[in-house]
Structures are given as C-alpha cells and as structure tokens.
mmCIF file of all heavy atoms, coordinates in Angstrom:
data_MODEL
# 
_entry.id   MODEL 
# 
loop_
_atom_site.group_PDB 
_atom_site.id 
_atom_site.type_symbol 
_atom_site.label_atom_id 
_atom_site.label_alt_id 
_atom_site.label_comp_id 
_atom_site.label_asym_id 
_atom_site.label_entity_id 
_atom_site.label_seq_id 
_atom_site.pdbx_PDB_ins_code 
_atom_site.Cartn_x 
_atom_site.Cartn_y 
_atom_site.Cartn_z 
_atom_site.occupancy 
_atom_site.B_iso_or_equiv 
_atom_site.pdbx_formal_charge 
_atom_site.auth_seq_id 
_atom_site.auth_comp_id 
_atom_site.auth_asym_id 
_atom_site.auth_atom_id 
_atom_site.pdbx_PDB_model_num 
ATOM 1   N N   . TYR A 1 1  ? -10.141 -46.847 -3.164  1.00 0.00 ? 1  TYR A N   1 
ATOM 2   C CA  . TYR A 1 1  ? -8.968  -46.673 -4.001  1.00 0.00 ? 1  TYR A CA  1 
ATOM 3   C C   . TYR A 1 1  ? -8.317  -45.315 -3.826  1.00 0.00 ? 1  TYR A C   1 
ATOM 4   O O   . TYR A 1 1  ? -8.966  -44.341 -3.444  1.00 0.00 ? 1  TYR A O   1 
ATOM 5   C CB  . TYR A 1 1  ? -9.356  -46.840 -5.475  1.00 0.00 ? 1  TYR A CB  1 
ATOM 6   C CG  . TYR A 1 1  ? -9.667  -48.252 -5.860  1.00 0.00 ? 1  TYR A CG  1 
ATOM 7   C CD1 . TYR A 1 1  ? -10.906 -48.808 -5.602  1.00 0.00 ? 1  TYR A CD1 1 
ATOM 8   C CD2 . TYR A 1 1  ? -8.700  -49.046 -6.483  1.00 0.00 ? 1  TYR A CD2 1 
ATOM 9   C CE1 . TYR A 1 1  ? -11.186 -50.117 -5.943  1.00 0.00 ? 1  TYR A CE1 1 
ATOM 10  C CE2 . TYR A 1 1  ? -8.983  -50.351 -6.832  1.00 0.00 ? 1  TYR A CE2 1 
ATOM 11  C CZ  . TYR A 1 1  ? -10.218 -50.870 -6.555  1.00 0.00 ? 1  TYR A CZ  1 
ATOM 12  O OH  . TYR A 1 1  ? -10.488 -52.171 -6.898  1.00 0.00 ? 1  TYR A OH  1 
ATOM 13  N N   . THR A 1 2  ? -7.049  -45.283 -4.119  1.00 0.00 ? 2  THR A N   1 
ATOM 14  C CA  . THR A 1 2  ? -6.336  -44.041 -4.354  1.00 0.00 ? 2  THR A CA  1 
ATOM 15  C C   . THR A 1 2  ? -6.283  -43.855 -5.866  1.00 0.00 ? 2  THR A C   1 
ATOM 16  O O   . THR A 1 2  ? -5.910  -44.771 -6.595  1.00 0.00 ? 2  THR A O   1 
ATOM 17  C CB  . THR A 1 2  ? -4.915  -44.091 -3.779  1.00 0.00 ? 2  THR A CB  1 
ATOM 18  O OG1 . THR A 1 2  ? -4.996  -44.192 -2.345  1.00 0.00 ? 2  THR A OG1 1 
ATOM 19  C CG2 . THR A 1 2  ? -4.140  -42.836 -4.153  1.00 0.00 ? 2  THR A CG2 1 
ATOM 20  N N   . ILE A 1 3  ? -6.684  -42.664 -6.309  1.00 0.00 ? 3  ILE A N   1 
ATOM 21  C CA  . ILE A 1 3  ? -6.728  -42.392 -7.738  1.00 0.00 ? 3  ILE A CA  1 
ATOM 22  C C   . ILE A 1 3  ? -5.694  -41.316 -8.038  1.00 0.00 ? 3  ILE A C   1 
ATOM 23  O O   . ILE A 1 3  ? -5.569  -40.327 -7.312  1.00 0.00 ? 3  ILE A O   1 
ATOM 24  C CB  . ILE A 1 3  ? -8.118  -41.897 -8.173  1.00 0.00 ? 3  ILE A CB  1 
ATOM 25  C CG1 . ILE A 1 3  ? -9.157  -42.985 -7.913  1.00 0.00 ? 3  ILE A CG1 1 
ATOM 26  C CG2 . ILE A 1 3  ? -8.122  -41.582 -9.662  1.00 0.00 ? 3  ILE A CG2 1 
ATOM 27  C CD1 . ILE A 1 3  ? -9.706  -43.061 -6.568  1.00 0.00 ? 3  ILE A CD1 1 
ATOM 28  N N   . GLY A 1 4  ? -4.984  -41.540 -9.109  1.00 0.00 ? 4  GLY A N   1 
ATOM 29  C CA  . GLY A 1 4  ? -3.936  -40.589 -9.460  1.00 0.00 ? 4  GLY A CA  1 
ATOM 30  C C   . GLY A 1 4  ? -3.978  -40.172 -10.907 1.00 0.00 ? 4  GLY A C   1 
ATOM 31  O O   . GLY A 1 4  ? -4.422  -40.925 -11.774 1.00 0.00 ? 4  GLY A O   1 
ATOM 32  N N   . TRP A 1 5  ? -3.505  -38.979 -11.131 1.00 0.00 ? 5  TRP A N   1 
ATOM 33  C CA  . TRP A 1 5  ? -3.246  -38.489 -12.488 1.00 0.00 ? 5  TRP A CA  1 
ATOM 34  C C   . TRP A 1 5  ? -1.735  -38.525 -12.695 1.00 0.00 ? 5  TRP A C   1 
ATOM 35  O O   . TRP A 1 5  ? -0.975  -37.964 -11.902 1.00 0.00 ? 5  TRP A O   1 
ATOM 36  C CB  . TRP A 1 5  ? -3.765  -37.075 -12.687 1.00 0.00 ? 5  TRP A CB  1 
ATOM 37  C CG  . TRP A 1 5  ? -5.253  -37.009 -12.799 1.00 0.00 ? 5  TRP A CG  1 
ATOM 38  C CD1 . TRP A 1 5  ? -6.162  -36.704 -11.816 1.00 0.00 ? 5  TRP A CD1 1 
ATOM 39  C CD2 . TRP A 1 5  ? -6.036  -37.264 -13.970 1.00 0.00 ? 5  TRP A CD2 1 
ATOM 40  N NE1 . TRP A 1 5  ? -7.436  -36.749 -12.305 1.00 0.00 ? 5  TRP A NE1 1 
ATOM 41  C CE2 . TRP A 1 5  ? -7.386  -37.085 -13.638 1.00 0.00 ? 5  TRP A CE2 1 
ATOM 42  C CE3 . TRP A 1 5  ? -5.722  -37.608 -15.287 1.00 0.00 ? 5  TRP A CE3 1 
ATOM 43  C CZ2 . TRP A 1 5  ? -8.427  -37.248 -14.558 1.00 0.00 ? 5  TRP A CZ2 1 
ATOM 44  C CZ3 . TRP A 1 5  ? -6.746  -37.767 -16.202 1.00 0.00 ? 5  TRP A CZ3 1 
ATOM 45  C CH2 . TRP A 1 5  ? -8.087  -37.592 -15.827 1.00 0.00 ? 5  TRP A CH2 1 
ATOM 46  N N   . PHE A 1 6  ? -1.339  -39.205 -13.738 1.00 0.00 ? 6  PHE A N   1 
ATOM 47  C CA  . PHE A 1 6  ? 0.058   -39.301 -14.124 1.00 0.00 ? 6  PHE A CA  1 
ATOM 48  C C   . PHE A 1 6  ? 0.187   -38.744 -15.530 1.00 0.00 ? 6  PHE A C   1 
ATOM 49  O O   . PHE A 1 6  ? -0.788  -38.707 -16.287 1.00 0.00 ? 6  PHE A O   1 
ATOM 50  C CB  . PHE A 1 6  ? 0.516   -40.764 -14.093 1.00 0.00 ? 6  PHE A CB  1 
ATOM 51  C CG  . PHE A 1 6  ? 0.536   -41.360 -12.706 1.00 0.00 ? 6  PHE A CG  1 
ATOM 52  C CD1 . PHE A 1 6  ? -0.655  -41.659 -12.050 1.00 0.00 ? 6  PHE A CD1 1 
ATOM 53  C CD2 . PHE A 1 6  ? 1.733   -41.625 -12.066 1.00 0.00 ? 6  PHE A CD2 1 
ATOM 54  C CE1 . PHE A 1 6  ? -0.653  -42.209 -10.770 1.00 0.00 ? 6  PHE A CE1 1 
ATOM 55  C CE2 . PHE A 1 6  ? 1.748   -42.174 -10.796 1.00 0.00 ? 6  PHE A CE2 1 
ATOM 56  C CZ  . PHE A 1 6  ? 0.557   -42.462 -10.148 1.00 0.00 ? 6  PHE A CZ  1 
ATOM 57  N N   . ARG A 1 7  ? 1.368   -38.327 -15.899 1.00 0.00 ? 7  ARG A N   1 
ATOM 58  C CA  . ARG A 1 7  ? 1.560   -37.810 -17.251 1.00 0.00 ? 7  ARG A CA  1 
ATOM 59  C C   . ARG A 1 7  ? 2.878   -38.290 -17.815 1.00 0.00 ? 7  ARG A C   1 
ATOM 60  O O   . ARG A 1 7  ? 3.820   -38.587 -17.064 1.00 0.00 ? 7  ARG A O   1 
ATOM 61  C CB  . ARG A 1 7  ? 1.501   -36.280 -17.268 1.00 0.00 ? 7  ARG A CB  1 
ATOM 62  C CG  . ARG A 1 7  ? 2.648   -35.585 -16.551 1.00 0.00 ? 7  ARG A CG  1 
ATOM 63  C CD  . ARG A 1 7  ? 2.410   -34.076 -16.526 1.00 0.00 ? 7  ARG A CD  1 
ATOM 64  N NE  . ARG A 1 7  ? 3.501   -33.364 -15.851 1.00 0.00 ? 7  ARG A NE  1 
ATOM 65  C CZ  . ARG A 1 7  ? 3.481   -32.065 -15.594 1.00 0.00 ? 7  ARG A CZ  1 
ATOM 66  N NH1 . ARG A 1 7  ? 2.413   -31.325 -15.945 1.00 0.00 ? 7  ARG A NH1 1 
ATOM 67  N NH2 . ARG A 1 7  ? 4.495   -31.493 -14.969 1.00 0.00 ? 7  ARG A NH2 1 
ATOM 68  N N   . GLN A 1 8  ? 2.912   -38.352 -19.126 1.00 0.00 ? 8  GLN A N   1 
ATOM 69  C CA  . GLN A 1 8  ? 4.139   -38.730 -19.819 1.00 0.00 ? 8  GLN A CA  1 
ATOM 70  C C   . GLN A 1 8  ? 4.305   -37.860 -21.048 1.00 0.00 ? 8  GLN A C   1 
ATOM 71  O O   . GLN A 1 8  ? 3.457   -37.865 -21.947 1.00 0.00 ? 8  GLN A O   1 
ATOM 72  C CB  . GLN A 1 8  ? 4.127   -40.205 -20.210 1.00 0.00 ? 8  GLN A CB  1 
ATOM 73  C CG  . GLN A 1 8  ? 5.450   -40.687 -20.757 1.00 0.00 ? 8  GLN A CG  1 
ATOM 74  C CD  . GLN A 1 8  ? 5.564   -42.194 -20.764 1.00 0.00 ? 8  GLN A CD  1 
ATOM 75  O OE1 . GLN A 1 8  ? 4.578   -42.921 -20.765 1.00 0.00 ? 8  GLN A OE1 1 
ATOM 76  N NE2 . GLN A 1 8  ? 6.807   -42.692 -20.764 1.00 0.00 ? 8  GLN A NE2 1 
ATOM 77  N N   . ALA A 1 9  ? 5.397   -37.117 -21.054 1.00 0.00 ? 9  ALA A N   1 
ATOM 78  C CA  . ALA A 1 9  ? 5.739   -36.286 -22.197 1.00 0.00 ? 9  ALA A CA  1 
ATOM 79  C C   . ALA A 1 9  ? 6.693   -37.061 -23.099 1.00 0.00 ? 9  ALA A C   1 
ATOM 80  O O   . ALA A 1 9  ? 7.377   -37.984 -22.641 1.00 0.00 ? 9  ALA A O   1 
ATOM 81  C CB  . ALA A 1 9  ? 6.391   -34.988 -21.715 1.00 0.00 ? 9  ALA A CB  1 
ATOM 82  N N   . PRO A 1 10 ? 6.739   -36.686 -24.371 1.00 0.00 ? 10 PRO A N   1 
ATOM 83  C CA  . PRO A 1 10 ? 7.647   -37.389 -25.299 1.00 0.00 ? 10 PRO A CA  1 
ATOM 84  C C   . PRO A 1 10 ? 9.077   -37.408 -24.795 1.00 0.00 ? 10 PRO A C   1 
ATOM 85  O O   . PRO A 1 10 ? 9.619   -36.365 -24.407 1.00 0.00 ? 10 PRO A O   1 
ATOM 86  C CB  . PRO A 1 10 ? 7.512   -36.578 -26.584 1.00 0.00 ? 10 PRO A CB  1 
ATOM 87  C CG  . PRO A 1 10 ? 6.169   -35.942 -26.504 1.00 0.00 ? 10 PRO A CG  1 
ATOM 88  C CD  . PRO A 1 10 ? 5.963   -35.635 -25.048 1.00 0.00 ? 10 PRO A CD  1 
ATOM 89  N N   . GLY A 1 11 ? 9.667   -38.585 -24.752 1.00 0.00 ? 11 GLY A N   1 
ATOM 90  C CA  . GLY A 1 11 ? 11.059  -38.707 -24.334 1.00 0.00 ? 11 GLY A CA  1 
ATOM 91  C C   . GLY A 1 11 ? 11.296  -38.627 -22.841 1.00 0.00 ? 11 GLY A C   1 
ATOM 92  O O   . GLY A 1 11 ? 12.446  -38.623 -22.396 1.00 0.00 ? 11 GLY A O   1 
ATOM 93  N N   . LYS A 1 12 ? 10.219  -38.551 -22.065 1.00 0.00 ? 12 LYS A N   1 
ATOM 94  C CA  . LYS A 1 12 ? 10.360  -38.436 -20.616 1.00 0.00 ? 12 LYS A CA  1 
ATOM 95  C C   . LYS A 1 12 ? 9.673   -39.605 -19.922 1.00 0.00 ? 12 LYS A C   1 
ATOM 96  O O   . LYS A 1 12 ? 8.812   -40.259 -20.488 1.00 0.00 ? 12 LYS A O   1 
ATOM 97  C CB  . LYS A 1 12 ? 9.780   -37.108 -20.122 1.00 0.00 ? 12 LYS A CB  1 
ATOM 98  C CG  . LYS A 1 12 ? 10.523  -35.886 -20.604 1.00 0.00 ? 12 LYS A CG  1 
ATOM 99  C CD  . LYS A 1 12 ? 10.019  -34.633 -19.920 1.00 0.00 ? 12 LYS A CD  1 
ATOM 100 C CE  . LYS A 1 12 ? 10.819  -33.411 -20.338 1.00 0.00 ? 12 LYS A CE  1 
ATOM 101 N NZ  . LYS A 1 12 ? 10.338  -32.169 -19.662 1.00 0.00 ? 12 LYS A NZ  1 
ATOM 102 N N   . GLU A 1 13 ? 10.065  -39.819 -18.682 1.00 0.00 ? 13 GLU A N   1 
ATOM 103 C CA  . GLU A 1 13 ? 9.436   -40.867 -17.893 1.00 0.00 ? 13 GLU A CA  1 
ATOM 104 C C   . GLU A 1 13 ? 8.055   -40.418 -17.406 1.00 0.00 ? 13 GLU A C   1 
ATOM 105 O O   . GLU A 1 13 ? 7.790   -39.224 -17.277 1.00 0.00 ? 13 GLU A O   1 
ATOM 106 C CB  . GLU A 1 13 ? 10.314  -41.214 -16.688 1.00 0.00 ? 13 GLU A CB  1 
ATOM 107 C CG  . GLU A 1 13 ? 11.617  -41.908 -17.054 1.00 0.00 ? 13 GLU A CG  1 
ATOM 108 C CD  . GLU A 1 13 ? 12.363  -42.406 -15.853 1.00 0.00 ? 13 GLU A CD  1 
ATOM 109 O OE1 . GLU A 1 13 ? 11.895  -42.205 -14.710 1.00 0.00 ? 13 GLU A OE1 1 
ATOM 110 O OE2 . GLU A 1 13 ? 13.436  -42.998 -16.038 1.00 0.00 ? 13 GLU A OE2 1 
ATOM 111 N N   . ARG A 1 14 ? 7.203   -41.398 -17.121 1.00 0.00 ? 14 ARG A N   1 
ATOM 112 C CA  . ARG A 1 14 ? 5.895   -41.076 -16.587 1.00 0.00 ? 14 ARG A CA  1 
ATOM 113 C C   . ARG A 1 14 ? 6.057   -40.543 -15.167 1.00 0.00 ? 14 ARG A C   1 
ATOM 114 O O   . ARG A 1 14 ? 6.836   -41.091 -14.380 1.00 0.00 ? 14 ARG A O   1 
ATOM 115 C CB  . ARG A 1 14 ? 5.024   -42.333 -16.585 1.00 0.00 ? 14 ARG A CB  1 
ATOM 116 C CG  . ARG A 1 14 ? 3.564   -42.065 -16.339 1.00 0.00 ? 14 ARG A CG  1 
ATOM 117 C CD  . ARG A 1 14 ? 2.743   -43.286 -16.685 1.00 0.00 ? 14 ARG A CD  1 
ATOM 118 N NE  . ARG A 1 14 ? 2.798   -43.596 -18.096 1.00 0.00 ? 14 ARG A NE  1 
ATOM 119 C CZ  . ARG A 1 14 ? 2.156   -44.603 -18.663 1.00 0.00 ? 14 ARG A CZ  1 
ATOM 120 N NH1 . ARG A 1 14 ? 1.433   -45.419 -17.916 1.00 0.00 ? 14 ARG A NH1 1 
ATOM 121 N NH2 . ARG A 1 14 ? 2.241   -44.822 -19.955 1.00 0.00 ? 14 ARG A NH2 1 
ATOM 122 N N   . GLU A 1 15 ? 5.354   -39.473 -14.839 1.00 0.00 ? 15 GLU A N   1 
ATOM 123 C CA  . GLU A 1 15 ? 5.462   -38.897 -13.512 1.00 0.00 ? 15 GLU A CA  1 
ATOM 124 C C   . GLU A 1 15 ? 4.088   -38.766 -12.865 1.00 0.00 ? 15 GLU A C   1 
ATOM 125 O O   . GLU A 1 15 ? 3.085   -38.523 -13.538 1.00 0.00 ? 15 GLU A O   1 
ATOM 126 C CB  . GLU A 1 15 ? 6.149   -37.514 -13.549 1.00 0.00 ? 15 GLU A CB  1 
ATOM 127 C CG  . GLU A 1 15 ? 5.328   -36.409 -14.109 1.00 0.00 ? 15 GLU A CG  1 
ATOM 128 C CD  . GLU A 1 15 ? 5.907   -35.012 -13.864 1.00 0.00 ? 15 GLU A CD  1 
ATOM 129 O OE1 . GLU A 1 15 ? 6.377   -34.723 -12.741 1.00 0.00 ? 15 GLU A OE1 1 
ATOM 130 O OE2 . GLU A 1 15 ? 5.852   -34.198 -14.799 1.00 0.00 ? 15 GLU A OE2 1 
ATOM 131 N N   . GLY A 1 16 ? 4.064   -38.931 -11.568 1.00 0.00 ? 16 GLY A N   1 
ATOM 132 C CA  . GLY A 1 16 ? 2.843   -38.735 -10.804 1.00 0.00 ? 16 GLY A CA  1 
ATOM 133 C C   . GLY A 1 16 ? 2.588   -37.252 -10.638 1.00 0.00 ? 16 GLY A C   1 
ATOM 134 O O   . GLY A 1 16 ? 3.452   -36.527 -10.148 1.00 0.00 ? 16 GLY A O   1 
ATOM 135 N N   . VAL A 1 17 ? 1.426   -36.792 -11.044 1.00 0.00 ? 17 VAL A N   1 
ATOM 136 C CA  . VAL A 1 17 ? 1.074   -35.382 -10.984 1.00 0.00 ? 17 VAL A CA  1 
ATOM 137 C C   . VAL A 1 17 ? 0.328   -35.073 -9.694  1.00 0.00 ? 17 VAL A C   1 
ATOM 138 O O   . VAL A 1 17 ? 0.706   -34.186 -8.931  1.00 0.00 ? 17 VAL A O   1 
ATOM 139 C CB  . VAL A 1 17 ? 0.222   -34.988 -12.202 1.00 0.00 ? 17 VAL A CB  1 
ATOM 140 C CG1 . VAL A 1 17 ? -0.290  -33.569 -12.065 1.00 0.00 ? 17 VAL A CG1 1 
ATOM 141 C CG2 . VAL A 1 17 ? 1.030   -35.159 -13.486 1.00 0.00 ? 17 VAL A CG2 1 
ATOM 142 N N   . SER A 1 18 ? -0.737  -35.823 -9.463  1.00 0.00 ? 18 SER A N   1 
ATOM 143 C CA  . SER A 1 18 ? -1.575  -35.554 -8.304  1.00 0.00 ? 18 SER A CA  1 
ATOM 144 C C   . SER A 1 18 ? -2.394  -36.799 -7.994  1.00 0.00 ? 18 SER A C   1 
ATOM 145 O O   . SER A 1 18 ? -2.832  -37.490 -8.906  1.00 0.00 ? 18 SER A O   1 
ATOM 146 C CB  . SER A 1 18 ? -2.503  -34.364 -8.587  1.00 0.00 ? 18 SER A CB  1 
ATOM 147 O OG  . SER A 1 18 ? -3.089  -33.891 -7.412  1.00 0.00 ? 18 SER A OG  1 
ATOM 148 N N   . CYS A 1 19 ? -2.586  -37.069 -6.707  1.00 0.00 ? 19 CYS A N   1 
ATOM 149 C CA  . CYS A 1 19 ? -3.332  -38.242 -6.276  1.00 0.00 ? 19 CYS A CA  1 
ATOM 150 C C   . CYS A 1 19 ? -4.290  -37.885 -5.156  1.00 0.00 ? 19 CYS A C   1 
ATOM 151 O O   . CYS A 1 19 ? -4.044  -36.932 -4.399  1.00 0.00 ? 19 CYS A O   1 
ATOM 152 C CB  . CYS A 1 19 ? -2.380  -39.347 -5.809  1.00 0.00 ? 19 CYS A CB  1 
ATOM 153 S SG  . CYS A 1 19 ? -1.419  -40.093 -7.141  1.00 0.00 ? 19 CYS A SG  1 
ATOM 154 N N   . ILE A 1 20 ? -5.356  -38.692 -5.041  1.00 0.00 ? 20 ILE A N   1 
ATOM 155 C CA  . ILE A 1 20 ? -6.352  -38.462 -4.007  1.00 0.00 ? 20 ILE A CA  1 
ATOM 156 C C   . ILE A 1 20 ? -6.817  -39.802 -3.447  1.00 0.00 ? 20 ILE A C   1 
ATOM 157 O O   . ILE A 1 20 ? -7.034  -40.759 -4.199  1.00 0.00 ? 20 ILE A O   1 
ATOM 158 C CB  . ILE A 1 20 ? -7.547  -37.638 -4.555  1.00 0.00 ? 20 ILE A CB  1 
ATOM 159 C CG1 . ILE A 1 20 ? -8.536  -37.285 -3.443  1.00 0.00 ? 20 ILE A CG1 1 
ATOM 160 C CG2 . ILE A 1 20 ? -8.249  -38.373 -5.702  1.00 0.00 ? 20 ILE A CG2 1 
ATOM 161 C CD1 . ILE A 1 20 ? -9.564  -36.230 -3.867  1.00 0.00 ? 20 ILE A CD1 1 
ATOM 162 N N   . VAL A 1 21 ? -6.949  -39.851 -2.124  1.00 0.00 ? 21 VAL A N   1 
ATOM 163 C CA  . VAL A 1 21 ? -7.532  -41.018 -1.480  1.00 0.00 ? 21 VAL A CA  1 
ATOM 164 C C   . VAL A 1 21 ? -9.037  -40.803 -1.468  1.00 0.00 ? 21 VAL A C   1 
ATOM 165 O O   . VAL A 1 21 ? -9.527  -39.867 -0.821  1.00 0.00 ? 21 VAL A O   1 
ATOM 166 C CB  . VAL A 1 21 ? -6.999  -41.197 -0.048  1.00 0.00 ? 21 VAL A CB  1 
ATOM 167 C CG1 . VAL A 1 21 ? -7.645  -42.409 0.609   1.00 0.00 ? 21 VAL A CG1 1 
ATOM 168 C CG2 . VAL A 1 21 ? -5.486  -41.330 -0.055  1.00 0.00 ? 21 VAL A CG2 1 
ATOM 169 N N   . SER A 1 22 ? -9.757  -41.623 -2.203  1.00 0.00 ? 22 SER A N   1 
ATOM 170 C CA  . SER A 1 22 ? -11.172 -41.356 -2.406  1.00 0.00 ? 22 SER A CA  1 
ATOM 171 C C   . SER A 1 22 ? -11.978 -41.376 -1.107  1.00 0.00 ? 22 SER A C   1 
ATOM 172 O O   . SER A 1 22 ? -12.923 -40.621 -0.951  1.00 0.00 ? 22 SER A O   1 
ATOM 173 C CB  . SER A 1 22 ? -11.750 -42.384 -3.396  1.00 0.00 ? 22 SER A CB  1 
ATOM 174 O OG  . SER A 1 22 ? -13.054 -42.022 -3.763  1.00 0.00 ? 22 SER A OG  1 
ATOM 175 N N   . SER A 1 23 ? -11.601 -42.231 -0.165  1.00 0.00 ? 23 SER A N   1 
ATOM 176 C CA  . SER A 1 23 ? -12.404 -42.382 1.056   1.00 0.00 ? 23 SER A CA  1 
ATOM 177 C C   . SER A 1 23 ? -12.343 -41.157 1.959   1.00 0.00 ? 23 SER A C   1 
ATOM 178 O O   . SER A 1 23 ? -13.341 -40.806 2.594   1.00 0.00 ? 23 SER A O   1 
ATOM 179 C CB  . SER A 1 23 ? -11.947 -43.615 1.819   1.00 0.00 ? 23 SER A CB  1 
ATOM 180 O OG  . SER A 1 23 ? -10.577 -43.523 2.141   1.00 0.00 ? 23 SER A OG  1 
ATOM 181 N N   . ASP A 1 24 ? -11.190 -40.497 2.035   1.00 0.00 ? 24 ASP A N   1 
ATOM 182 C CA  . ASP A 1 24 ? -11.091 -39.364 2.965   1.00 0.00 ? 24 ASP A CA  1 
ATOM 183 C C   . ASP A 1 24 ? -10.699 -38.050 2.297   1.00 0.00 ? 24 ASP A C   1 
ATOM 184 O O   . ASP A 1 24 ? -10.629 -37.010 2.969   1.00 0.00 ? 24 ASP A O   1 
ATOM 185 C CB  . ASP A 1 24 ? -10.113 -39.671 4.106   1.00 0.00 ? 24 ASP A CB  1 
ATOM 186 C CG  . ASP A 1 24 ? -8.677  -39.853 3.638   1.00 0.00 ? 24 ASP A CG  1 
ATOM 187 O OD1 . ASP A 1 24 ? -8.360  -39.525 2.470   1.00 0.00 ? 24 ASP A OD1 1 
ATOM 188 O OD2 . ASP A 1 24 ? -7.853  -40.336 4.448   1.00 0.00 ? 24 ASP A OD2 1 
ATOM 189 N N   . GLY A 1 25 ? -10.431 -38.078 1.001   1.00 0.00 ? 25 GLY A N   1 
ATOM 190 C CA  . GLY A 1 25 ? -10.148 -36.847 0.280   1.00 0.00 ? 25 GLY A CA  1 
ATOM 191 C C   . GLY A 1 25 ? -8.746  -36.300 0.442   1.00 0.00 ? 25 GLY A C   1 
ATOM 192 O O   . GLY A 1 25 ? -8.448  -35.214 -0.072  1.00 0.00 ? 25 GLY A O   1 
ATOM 193 N N   . SER A 1 26 ? -7.873  -37.009 1.138   1.00 0.00 ? 26 SER A N   1 
ATOM 194 C CA  . SER A 1 26 ? -6.505  -36.507 1.268   1.00 0.00 ? 26 SER A CA  1 
ATOM 195 C C   . SER A 1 26 ? -5.819  -36.538 -0.086  1.00 0.00 ? 26 SER A C   1 
ATOM 196 O O   . SER A 1 26 ? -6.060  -37.428 -0.904  1.00 0.00 ? 26 SER A O   1 
ATOM 197 C CB  . SER A 1 26 ? -5.723  -37.324 2.287   1.00 0.00 ? 26 SER A CB  1 
ATOM 198 O OG  . SER A 1 26 ? -5.752  -38.693 1.972   1.00 0.00 ? 26 SER A OG  1 
ATOM 199 N N   . THR A 1 27 ? -4.974  -35.540 -0.312  1.00 0.00 ? 27 THR A N   1 
ATOM 200 C CA  . THR A 1 27 ? -4.371  -35.376 -1.629  1.00 0.00 ? 27 THR A CA  1 
ATOM 201 C C   . THR A 1 27 ? -2.868  -35.174 -1.550  1.00 0.00 ? 27 THR A C   1 
ATOM 202 O O   . THR A 1 27 ? -2.311  -34.825 -0.507  1.00 0.00 ? 27 THR A O   1 
ATOM 203 C CB  . THR A 1 27 ? -4.979  -34.173 -2.372  1.00 0.00 ? 27 THR A CB  1 
ATOM 204 O OG1 . THR A 1 27 ? -4.685  -32.970 -1.639  1.00 0.00 ? 27 THR A OG1 1 
ATOM 205 C CG2 . THR A 1 27 ? -6.483  -34.326 -2.536  1.00 0.00 ? 27 THR A CG2 1 
# 
C-alpha cells in the first residue's frame, strides 16, 4: 500500500500532506 496523511481544517478542503510507498519507502 501507499499510506498517506491528509488533513482537513474547518472550512477547508481535505489536503494530502505526505505519503509513503510502504514497499520501497519513496515519499
């Protein structure tokens, strides 16, 4: 899997913060 951290602030759209490919560690 690729795992990501996303965030959503009040009144704002959800945004992708940071992601990592678990198999090879690319970010």
